[in-house]
Amino acid sequence: MSGAGLCDDCRFRTEVISARGSRFVLCGRAADVKTYPKYPRLPVTVCAGHEPAAEDPAGPETERTA
């Protein structure tokens, strides 16, 4: 998902695609640190927990929900 700001290259980001095809960015930091929103308002321009992801040739992880 492009246009998500810092989330675009964050290692804690997971893209979630709903059954209707809507795409959301899930913040993995929210599972451990309750001050991070589970689904942040995009684009994220400031985030203290941002860590760039390692280059992965398979691309970002995607999770499909019902």
Protein backbone atom coordinates (compact mmCIF):
# COMPACT_ATOMS: atom_id res chain seq x y z
CA MET A 1 0.00 0.00 0.00
CA SER A 2 1.56 3.23 -1.11
CA GLY A 3 0.75 6.56 0.50
CA ALA A 4 0.84 5.29 4.09
CA GLY A 5 3.76 7.56 4.98
CA LEU A 6 6.23 6.04 7.44
CA CYS A 7 4.17 2.84 7.55
CA ASP A 8 5.12 2.10 3.92
CA ASP A 9 8.55 0.82 4.95
CA CYS A 10 8.03 -0.03 8.64
CA ARG A 11 8.92 -3.53 9.84
CA PHE A 12 5.84 -3.59 12.12
CA ARG A 13 3.37 -2.92 9.29
CA THR A 14 0.98 -5.55 7.98
CA GLU A 15 -1.42 -4.87 5.15
CA VAL A 16 -4.90 -6.27 5.81
CA ILE A 17 -7.37 -6.76 2.95
CA SER A 18 -11.04 -7.12 3.85
CA ALA A 19 -13.44 -9.48 2.14
CA ARG A 20 -14.74 -6.48 0.17
CA GLY A 21 -11.26 -5.55 -1.03
CA SER A 22 -10.60 -2.58 1.28
CA ARG A 23 -6.98 -2.25 2.37
CA PHE A 24 -5.84 -1.26 5.85
CA VAL A 25 -2.45 -0.89 7.55
CA LEU A 26 -2.20 -2.81 10.82
CA CYS A 27 0.47 -1.57 13.26
CA GLY A 28 2.24 -4.51 14.91
CA ARG A 29 3.51 -2.25 17.71
CA ALA A 30 -0.10 -1.84 18.91
CA ALA A 31 -0.14 -5.46 20.13
CA ASP A 32 2.55 -4.73 22.74
CA VAL A 33 2.34 -0.97 23.29
CA LYS A 34 -1.23 0.25 23.79
CA THR A 35 -0.36 3.88 22.93
CA TYR A 36 0.05 2.92 19.25
CA PRO A 37 -3.20 2.78 17.25
CA LYS A 38 -3.98 -0.65 15.80
CA TYR A 39 -5.04 0.94 12.51
CA PRO A 40 -3.31 4.36 12.30
CA ARG A 41 -4.77 7.29 10.39
CA LEU A 42 -2.79 7.57 7.15
CA PRO A 43 -0.46 8.97 6.07
CA VAL A 44 1.67 8.61 9.19
CA THR A 45 4.24 11.43 9.22
CA VAL A 46 5.58 11.09 12.78
CA CYS A 47 6.06 7.82 14.68
CA ALA A 48 8.50 7.19 17.52
CA GLY A 49 8.26 3.42 16.96
CA HIS A 50 9.06 3.42 13.24
CA GLU A 51 11.80 0.99 12.24
CA PRO A 52 12.63 0.49 8.56
CA ALA A 53 11.99 -3.05 7.35
CA ALA A 54 14.78 -5.22 6.01
CA GLU A 55 14.62 -5.64 2.25
CA ASP A 56 12.38 -8.62 1.46
CA PRO A 57 12.18 -9.78 -2.16
CA ALA A 58 8.75 -11.34 -1.48
CA GLY A 59 7.29 -7.92 -0.60
CA PRO A 60 5.26 -6.82 2.41
CA GLU A 61 3.33 -9.35 4.43
CA THR A 62 -0.38 -9.43 3.58
CA GLU A 63 -3.16 -10.91 5.70
CA ARG A 64 -6.67 -11.60 4.42
CA THR A 65 -9.63 -11.27 6.77
CA ALA A 66 -13.24 -12.30 6.44
